[in-house]
Amino acid sequence: MTRILHVITGLGGGGAEAMLYKLTSGMDSKKFKSVVVSLSDKGDLGPKIEAAGVPVYVLGMKPGRPSLSAFFKLYRLIKKFRPHILQSWLYHADLTALLVGKLARVPKIFWNLRCSLVDFNCYGLSTRLTVRVLARLSPFVDGMIYNSEAGRKDHEAMGFRPAKWEWIPNGFDLETFRPNPNARAGLLEELDIQEPAFLIGHIARYDPMKDHVGLIKVARNIVKEFPQVRFILAGSGVHPSNLELNGLLKEAGLSSNFYLLGKKNDVAKTLQSLDALVLCSAFGEGFPNILGEAMACGVPCIATDVGDSKKLIGASGFIVPPKNPGQLAAAICKLAGMASEERAALGKSAREIIAENYSLPKIVAQYERFYGNSTTDQ
């Protein structure tokens, strides 16, 4: 049996965390034994991972604050579990796993790259320094899994040179994320929205990467042309208590057109209620989970050309340049002006793309093959 110890920065509701949960809960437990270590805490997904039978340990580190006691705790966990593979997720976990893993003499150490080029000016100094150090240390890692071609290209340009690159995209649960015509009525009642309405979702944490400001800038013109449009926003920090976001909406005169739902535990239900999904990220996306989930629900998508969004959507939706309000508005208006039959055809095509290429069992099998092949030469 192959033992794999996963190290991740935290276990909140992000795309990397979600893929780690789907992977560890979906792998063949007769062939692979997994353990998960969070540098910070259990977050939202830790209990779910434990419920799937995978042990979760936490190191209690604070953001941007290295901790010698946490390093020693990870070292002891590695010595106790004796993993064949140490797999890290996200930058700070990559650095921690490599340093401690080498000290503990783990046979194979892999990083898992989840993003493309990031505008580091929007984040703290520790993140910028960590990425620079990782680029220098990358030749000492045994391999780097990447979920987007854009991510690999951008990191190679930054100087990343692992011994091996392995492309494994995100996978999606087609049973959880599937079309549900009955979901819409529930959301309309919950939010007290009257028909006719055109529901556009934007499901993303409040972060410069996701460009909520850009969406608000284009929304005013969209609402003038299509007054029935309602923007359904959800994600960490996207809540009525967010004074900055509410101030932007009030200034734009759009408070009555936007609904801020905060973090949703049942994302599938929200997606199934939508007429369209928009992801207007300014930078940094790798292989966006939310696009794949919406597509699996039969929802046509509009996304900026960041990461592998264009490759994922194909002809089932619309791709526009990032930070281009005119083209973003035009794409949303075009979709809103379509006949329902045309939108349904796009949604059907979107689900077919996910089913044929990115079903969760297929992606889990790719990880299993990669891990299995990596241990044959030990």
Protein backbone atom coordinates (compact mmCIF):
# COMPACT_ATOMS: atom_id res chain seq x y z
CA MET A 1 0.00 0.00 0.00
CA THR A 2 1.29 3.45 -0.97
CA ARG A 3 1.26 5.95 1.88
CA ILE A 4 0.74 9.62 0.92
CA LEU A 5 0.97 12.56 3.29
CA HIS A 6 -0.66 15.72 1.94
CA VAL A 7 0.40 19.12 3.28
CA ILE A 8 -1.73 22.16 2.54
CA THR A 9 -1.71 25.77 3.75
CA GLY A 10 -5.28 25.58 5.06
CA LEU A 11 -8.59 23.79 4.57
CA GLY A 12 -10.98 26.60 3.72
CA GLY A 13 -13.30 26.52 0.72
CA GLY A 14 -10.82 27.27 -2.09
CA GLY A 15 -10.27 25.26 -5.26
CA ALA A 16 -7.10 23.51 -4.09
CA GLU A 17 -8.72 22.50 -0.83
CA ALA A 18 -11.79 21.20 -2.66
CA MET A 19 -9.68 19.11 -5.03
CA LEU A 20 -7.69 17.67 -2.12
CA TYR A 21 -10.95 16.64 -0.45
CA LYS A 22 -12.29 15.06 -3.64
CA LEU A 23 -9.00 13.25 -4.24
CA THR A 24 -8.44 11.82 -0.77
CA SER A 25 -12.08 10.73 -0.43
CA GLY A 26 -12.10 9.15 -3.90
CA MET A 27 -8.85 7.17 -4.01
CA ASP A 28 -8.77 3.39 -3.72
CA SER A 29 -8.28 2.83 0.03
CA LYS A 30 -6.97 -0.69 -0.61
CA LYS A 31 -4.04 0.68 -2.59
CA PHE A 32 -3.48 4.14 -1.10
CA LYS A 33 -3.50 5.41 2.46
CA SER A 34 -3.72 9.18 2.84
CA VAL A 35 -3.15 11.61 5.69
CA VAL A 36 -3.75 15.36 5.47
CA VAL A 37 -1.80 18.03 7.37
CA SER A 38 -2.99 21.65 7.42
CA LEU A 39 -0.43 24.31 8.28
CA SER A 40 -3.20 26.36 9.93
CA ASP A 41 -6.49 24.74 11.01
CA LYS A 42 -9.21 22.35 9.86
CA GLY A 43 -11.30 25.06 8.20
CA ASP A 44 -14.51 24.04 6.46
CA LEU A 45 -13.20 20.95 4.70
CA GLY A 46 -11.19 19.28 7.46
CA PRO A 47 -14.24 17.63 9.06
CA LYS A 48 -15.44 16.45 5.63
CA ILE A 49 -12.07 14.86 4.92
CA GLU A 50 -12.14 13.14 8.32
CA ALA A 51 -15.69 11.93 7.64
CA ALA A 52 -14.32 10.23 4.52
CA GLY A 53 -11.95 8.24 6.75
CA VAL A 54 -8.81 10.30 6.14
CA PRO A 55 -6.96 11.57 9.27
CA VAL A 56 -6.42 15.34 9.46
CA TYR A 57 -3.75 17.04 11.58
CA VAL A 58 -3.27 20.77 12.12
CA LEU A 59 -0.07 22.68 12.89
CA GLY A 60 -1.67 25.93 14.08
CA MET A 61 0.57 28.27 12.07
CA LYS A 62 -0.49 31.88 11.60
CA PRO A 63 -0.48 33.45 8.10
CA GLY A 64 2.98 34.70 7.18
CA ARG A 65 4.51 33.52 10.47
CA PRO A 66 6.87 30.51 10.22
CA SER A 67 6.89 28.35 13.34
CA LEU A 68 9.70 26.05 14.45
CA SER A 69 7.31 24.12 16.69
CA ALA A 70 5.02 23.51 13.69
CA PHE A 71 7.99 22.31 11.61
CA PHE A 72 8.98 19.84 14.34
CA LYS A 73 5.38 18.66 14.64
CA LEU A 74 5.29 17.97 10.89
CA TYR A 75 8.65 16.19 11.15
CA ARG A 76 7.27 13.93 13.88
CA LEU A 77 4.13 13.21 11.86
CA ILE A 78 6.24 12.25 8.86
CA LYS A 79 8.38 9.93 10.96
CA LYS A 80 5.27 8.35 12.45
CA PHE A 81 3.39 7.87 9.18
CA ARG A 82 6.50 7.07 7.06
CA PRO A 83 4.98 8.22 3.74
CA HIS A 84 6.27 7.04 0.41
CA ILE A 85 5.10 10.36 -1.04
CA LEU A 86 4.88 13.85 0.45
CA GLN A 87 2.42 15.91 -1.62
CA SER A 88 2.06 19.63 -0.92
CA TRP A 89 -0.60 22.09 -2.08
CA LEU A 90 -0.14 25.90 -2.31
CA TYR A 91 3.02 27.95 -2.00
CA HIS A 92 3.64 28.12 1.75
CA ALA A 93 2.92 24.42 2.13
CA ASP A 94 5.30 23.68 -0.76
CA LEU A 95 8.18 25.39 1.02
CA THR A 96 7.42 23.79 4.38
CA ALA A 97 6.99 20.32 2.89
CA LEU A 98 10.22 20.46 0.91
CA LEU A 99 12.37 21.62 3.84
CA VAL A 100 10.89 19.23 6.40
CA GLY A 101 10.50 16.39 3.89
CA LYS A 102 14.15 16.49 2.90
CA LEU A 103 15.18 16.56 6.55
CA ALA A 104 12.92 13.56 7.22
CA ARG A 105 14.22 11.78 4.08
CA VAL A 106 10.85 11.20 2.43
CA PRO A 107 11.45 9.15 -0.76
CA LYS A 108 9.37 11.36 -3.08
CA ILE A 109 8.27 14.97 -2.69
CA PHE A 110 5.78 16.57 -5.10
CA TRP A 111 4.30 20.06 -5.34
CA ASN A 112 0.82 20.73 -6.71
CA LEU A 113 0.57 23.94 -8.72
CA ARG A 114 -2.93 25.45 -8.67
CA CYS A 115 -2.61 28.90 -10.23
CA SER A 116 -1.17 30.86 -13.13
CA LEU A 117 0.63 34.21 -13.00
CA VAL A 118 -0.35 36.12 -9.86
CA ASP A 119 -0.18 39.88 -9.37
CA PHE A 120 1.94 39.71 -6.24
CA ASN A 121 1.50 43.44 -5.65
CA CYS A 122 -1.97 42.58 -4.35
CA TYR A 123 -0.61 40.28 -1.63
CA GLY A 124 1.85 40.28 1.25
CA LEU A 125 5.62 40.33 1.12
CA SER A 126 5.84 36.79 2.52
CA THR A 127 4.02 35.37 -0.51
CA ARG A 128 6.31 37.15 -2.97
CA LEU A 129 9.42 35.99 -1.12
CA THR A 130 8.10 32.44 -0.80
CA VAL A 131 7.57 32.12 -4.56
CA ARG A 132 11.06 33.43 -5.29
CA VAL A 133 12.55 30.89 -2.90
CA LEU A 134 10.42 28.10 -4.37
CA ALA A 135 11.71 28.87 -7.87
CA ARG A 136 15.29 28.51 -6.60
CA LEU A 137 14.50 25.29 -4.74
CA SER A 138 12.33 23.70 -7.43
CA PRO A 139 15.16 21.53 -8.89
CA PHE A 140 15.17 19.64 -5.57
CA VAL A 141 11.54 18.55 -5.82
CA ASP A 142 10.81 15.21 -7.51
CA GLY A 143 7.88 16.50 -9.53
CA MET A 144 5.30 19.21 -9.93
CA ILE A 145 1.68 18.42 -10.70
CA TYR A 146 -0.08 21.29 -12.45
CA ASN A 147 -3.76 21.69 -13.24
CA SER A 148 -3.38 24.24 -16.04
CA GLU A 149 -1.06 24.70 -19.00
CA ALA A 150 -1.07 28.43 -18.29
CA GLY A 151 0.16 27.76 -14.76
CA ARG A 152 3.09 25.67 -15.93
CA LYS A 153 4.07 28.21 -18.59
CA ASP A 154 3.97 31.14 -16.16
CA HIS A 155 5.95 29.32 -13.47
CA GLU A 156 8.57 28.14 -15.92
CA ALA A 157 9.00 31.81 -16.84
CA MET A 158 9.53 32.54 -13.12
CA GLY A 159 12.33 29.98 -13.00
CA PHE A 160 10.59 26.84 -11.73
CA ARG A 161 12.57 23.74 -12.82
CA PRO A 162 11.25 20.58 -11.11
CA ALA A 163 12.61 17.18 -12.10
CA LYS A 164 9.27 16.33 -13.69
CA TRP A 165 6.04 18.05 -14.76
CA GLU A 166 2.71 16.20 -14.66
CA TRP A 167 -0.58 17.65 -15.95
CA ILE A 168 -3.65 16.58 -13.97
CA PRO A 169 -6.68 18.90 -14.27
CA ASN A 170 -9.47 19.26 -11.74
CA GLY A 171 -12.21 16.66 -11.60
CA PHE A 172 -15.93 17.12 -10.99
CA ASP A 173 -18.65 15.06 -9.34
CA LEU A 174 -21.30 14.75 -12.04
CA GLU A 175 -23.89 13.44 -9.57
CA THR A 176 -23.63 16.38 -7.18
CA PHE A 177 -23.21 18.94 -9.96
CA ARG A 178 -25.98 18.24 -12.45
CA PRO A 179 -28.91 20.18 -13.94
CA ASN A 180 -31.89 20.61 -11.63
CA PRO A 181 -34.81 22.60 -13.09
CA ASN A 182 -36.51 22.75 -9.69
CA ALA A 183 -33.70 24.62 -7.93
CA ARG A 184 -34.46 28.02 -9.49
CA ALA A 185 -37.85 28.45 -7.82
CA GLY A 186 -36.31 27.94 -4.40
CA LEU A 187 -33.69 30.65 -4.90
CA LEU A 188 -36.24 33.11 -6.28
CA GLU A 189 -38.42 32.56 -3.21
CA GLU A 190 -35.47 32.79 -0.82
CA LEU A 191 -34.32 36.12 -2.27
CA ASP A 192 -37.82 37.43 -3.04
CA ILE A 193 -37.03 37.92 -6.72
CA GLN A 194 -39.98 38.24 -9.06
CA GLU A 195 -40.17 36.83 -12.58
CA PRO A 196 -39.16 37.64 -15.23
CA ALA A 197 -35.57 37.50 -13.99
CA PHE A 198 -32.22 36.63 -15.49
CA LEU A 199 -29.91 35.28 -12.77
CA ILE A 200 -26.17 35.74 -13.28
CA GLY A 201 -23.95 34.13 -10.69
CA HIS A 202 -20.48 35.20 -9.58
CA ILE A 203 -19.23 32.64 -7.05
CA ALA A 204 -15.82 33.68 -5.73
CA ARG A 205 -14.15 34.86 -2.55
CA TYR A 206 -13.70 38.61 -2.11
CA ASP A 207 -10.17 39.02 -3.44
CA PRO A 208 -8.42 41.30 -5.98
CA MET A 209 -7.94 38.25 -8.21
CA LYS A 210 -11.71 37.85 -8.67
CA ASP A 211 -12.25 41.50 -9.73
CA HIS A 212 -15.59 42.22 -8.09
CA VAL A 213 -14.88 45.88 -8.80
CA GLY A 214 -14.72 45.19 -12.55
CA LEU A 215 -18.03 43.33 -12.46
CA ILE A 216 -19.76 46.22 -10.69
CA LYS A 217 -18.38 48.67 -13.25
CA VAL A 218 -20.03 46.84 -16.16
CA ALA A 219 -23.24 45.96 -14.32
CA ARG A 220 -24.80 49.42 -14.60
CA ASN A 221 -24.90 49.33 -18.42
CA ILE A 222 -26.09 45.73 -18.42
CA VAL A 223 -29.00 46.56 -16.13
CA LYS A 224 -29.98 49.51 -18.34
CA GLU A 225 -30.34 47.18 -21.34
CA PHE A 226 -31.71 44.21 -19.42
CA PRO A 227 -33.47 45.46 -16.27
CA GLN A 228 -34.49 41.90 -15.36
CA VAL A 229 -30.85 40.92 -14.68
CA ARG A 230 -30.03 40.04 -11.08
CA PHE A 231 -26.46 39.33 -9.93
CA ILE A 232 -26.15 36.51 -7.41
CA LEU A 233 -22.81 36.79 -5.58
CA ALA A 234 -21.47 34.23 -3.13
CA GLY A 235 -18.16 33.35 -1.56
CA SER A 236 -16.00 34.13 1.44
CA GLY A 237 -16.23 37.83 2.24
CA VAL A 238 -19.11 38.42 -0.20
CA HIS A 239 -21.62 39.27 2.48
CA PRO A 240 -23.88 42.19 3.45
CA SER A 241 -21.40 42.94 6.25
CA ASN A 242 -18.69 43.75 3.69
CA LEU A 243 -18.74 47.54 3.94
CA GLU A 244 -16.34 48.04 1.04
CA LEU A 245 -18.38 45.95 -1.37
CA ASN A 246 -21.66 47.47 -0.24
CA GLY A 247 -20.18 50.94 -0.66
CA LEU A 248 -19.24 50.17 -4.26
CA LEU A 249 -22.74 48.90 -5.01
CA LYS A 250 -24.39 51.90 -3.38
CA GLU A 251 -22.14 54.32 -5.28
CA ALA A 252 -23.05 52.59 -8.55
CA GLY A 253 -26.76 52.61 -7.69
CA LEU A 254 -26.92 48.81 -7.95
CA SER A 255 -27.76 47.68 -4.43
CA SER A 256 -31.17 46.36 -5.53
CA ASN A 257 -29.65 44.37 -8.42
CA PHE A 258 -27.01 42.49 -6.41
CA TYR A 259 -27.61 39.76 -3.83
CA LEU A 260 -24.72 38.97 -1.48
CA LEU A 261 -25.05 35.45 -0.09
CA GLY A 262 -21.69 34.94 1.63
CA LYS A 263 -20.09 31.52 1.78
CA LYS A 264 -22.49 28.80 0.62
CA ASN A 265 -22.31 25.23 1.88
CA ASP A 266 -24.44 23.96 -1.01
CA VAL A 267 -22.80 25.52 -4.06
CA ALA A 268 -24.44 23.03 -6.42
CA LYS A 269 -27.92 24.20 -5.45
CA THR A 270 -26.98 27.82 -6.12
CA LEU A 271 -25.42 26.98 -9.49
CA GLN A 272 -28.45 24.95 -10.56
CA SER A 273 -30.60 28.05 -10.02
CA LEU A 274 -28.65 30.28 -12.42
CA ASP A 275 -29.21 31.29 -16.01
CA ALA A 276 -25.49 32.04 -16.44
CA LEU A 277 -22.23 32.21 -14.51
CA VAL A 278 -19.58 34.88 -14.91
CA LEU A 279 -15.97 34.60 -13.71
CA CYS A 280 -14.23 37.89 -14.40
CA SER A 281 -10.87 37.15 -12.75
CA ALA A 282 -8.11 39.67 -13.43
CA PHE A 283 -5.22 37.20 -13.00
CA GLY A 284 -4.05 34.07 -11.25
CA GLU A 285 -6.62 31.42 -12.18
CA GLY A 286 -5.31 27.99 -13.03
CA PHE A 287 -8.19 25.63 -13.77
CA PRO A 288 -11.20 27.25 -12.06
CA ASN A 289 -13.32 24.78 -10.12
CA ILE A 290 -16.36 27.00 -10.23
CA LEU A 291 -16.40 26.99 -14.04
CA GLY A 292 -16.31 23.20 -14.17
CA GLU A 293 -19.00 22.92 -11.51
CA ALA A 294 -21.29 25.38 -13.30
CA MET A 295 -20.73 23.62 -16.62
CA ALA A 296 -21.54 20.26 -15.03
CA CYS A 297 -24.84 21.84 -13.87
CA GLY A 298 -25.61 22.80 -17.47
CA VAL A 299 -25.04 26.52 -16.86
CA PRO A 300 -23.44 28.51 -19.72
CA CYS A 301 -20.41 30.49 -18.58
CA ILE A 302 -18.65 33.76 -19.37
CA ALA A 303 -15.04 33.98 -18.22
CA THR A 304 -11.97 36.10 -18.69
CA ASP A 305 -9.07 34.57 -20.58
CA VAL A 306 -7.03 33.77 -17.47
CA GLY A 307 -5.45 30.39 -16.78
CA ASP A 308 -7.05 27.54 -18.72
CA SER A 309 -10.58 28.99 -18.72
CA LYS A 310 -10.63 29.27 -22.51
CA LYS A 311 -9.52 25.65 -22.92
CA LEU A 312 -12.16 24.49 -20.45
CA ILE A 313 -15.15 26.41 -21.81
CA GLY A 314 -14.46 25.86 -25.50
CA ALA A 315 -17.49 26.70 -27.64
CA SER A 316 -19.97 26.23 -24.77
CA GLY A 317 -19.71 29.82 -23.53
CA PHE A 318 -17.86 33.11 -23.93
CA ILE A 319 -14.26 34.17 -23.25
CA VAL A 320 -13.25 37.82 -22.95
CA PRO A 321 -9.94 39.54 -22.12
CA PRO A 322 -9.37 40.33 -18.42
CA LYS A 323 -10.07 43.87 -17.22
CA ASN A 324 -11.98 44.70 -20.41
CA PRO A 325 -15.36 46.12 -19.29
CA GLY A 326 -16.66 46.63 -22.83
CA GLN A 327 -16.18 43.05 -23.98
CA LEU A 328 -17.37 41.62 -20.67
CA ALA A 329 -20.57 43.66 -20.85
CA ALA A 330 -21.12 42.68 -24.49
CA ALA A 331 -20.77 38.97 -23.70
CA ILE A 332 -23.17 39.14 -20.77
CA CYS A 333 -25.72 41.09 -22.85
CA LYS A 334 -25.41 38.62 -25.69
CA LEU A 335 -26.14 35.71 -23.40
CA ALA A 336 -28.97 37.54 -21.66
CA GLY A 337 -30.54 38.32 -25.04
CA MET A 338 -30.49 34.73 -26.27
CA ALA A 339 -33.59 32.63 -26.52
CA SER A 340 -33.88 30.12 -23.69
CA GLU A 341 -33.43 27.27 -26.19
CA GLU A 342 -30.06 28.67 -27.30
CA ARG A 343 -28.85 28.99 -23.72
CA ALA A 344 -30.03 25.46 -22.98
CA ALA A 345 -27.99 24.16 -25.93
CA LEU A 346 -24.89 25.91 -24.60
CA GLY A 347 -25.50 24.44 -21.16
CA LYS A 348 -25.88 20.95 -22.59
CA SER A 349 -22.63 21.34 -24.49
CA ALA A 350 -20.91 22.55 -21.31
CA ARG A 351 -21.96 19.49 -19.32
CA GLU A 352 -20.82 17.19 -22.13
CA ILE A 353 -17.35 18.75 -22.02
CA ILE A 354 -17.07 18.02 -18.30
CA ALA A 355 -18.49 14.50 -18.60
CA GLU A 356 -16.16 13.54 -21.44
CA ASN A 357 -12.94 15.04 -20.09
CA TYR A 358 -13.07 15.95 -16.41
CA SER A 359 -15.26 13.50 -14.51
CA LEU A 360 -13.98 12.94 -10.98
CA PRO A 361 -13.28 9.18 -11.32
CA LYS A 362 -11.17 9.85 -14.41
CA ILE A 363 -9.09 12.51 -12.65
CA VAL A 364 -8.67 10.45 -9.47
CA ALA A 365 -7.42 7.59 -11.66
CA GLN A 366 -4.79 9.93 -13.14
CA TYR A 367 -3.51 10.75 -9.66
CA GLU A 368 -3.46 7.06 -8.75
CA ARG A 369 -1.44 6.18 -11.85
CA PHE A 370 1.01 9.01 -11.19
CA TYR A 371 1.51 8.04 -7.56
CA GLY A 372 1.73 4.35 -8.42
CA ASN A 373 4.34 4.90 -11.13
CA SER A 374 6.31 7.20 -8.83
CA THR A 375 6.83 4.48 -6.24
CA THR A 376 7.84 1.66 -8.58
CA ASP A 377 11.43 2.89 -8.78
CA GLN A 378 11.90 3.28 -5.03
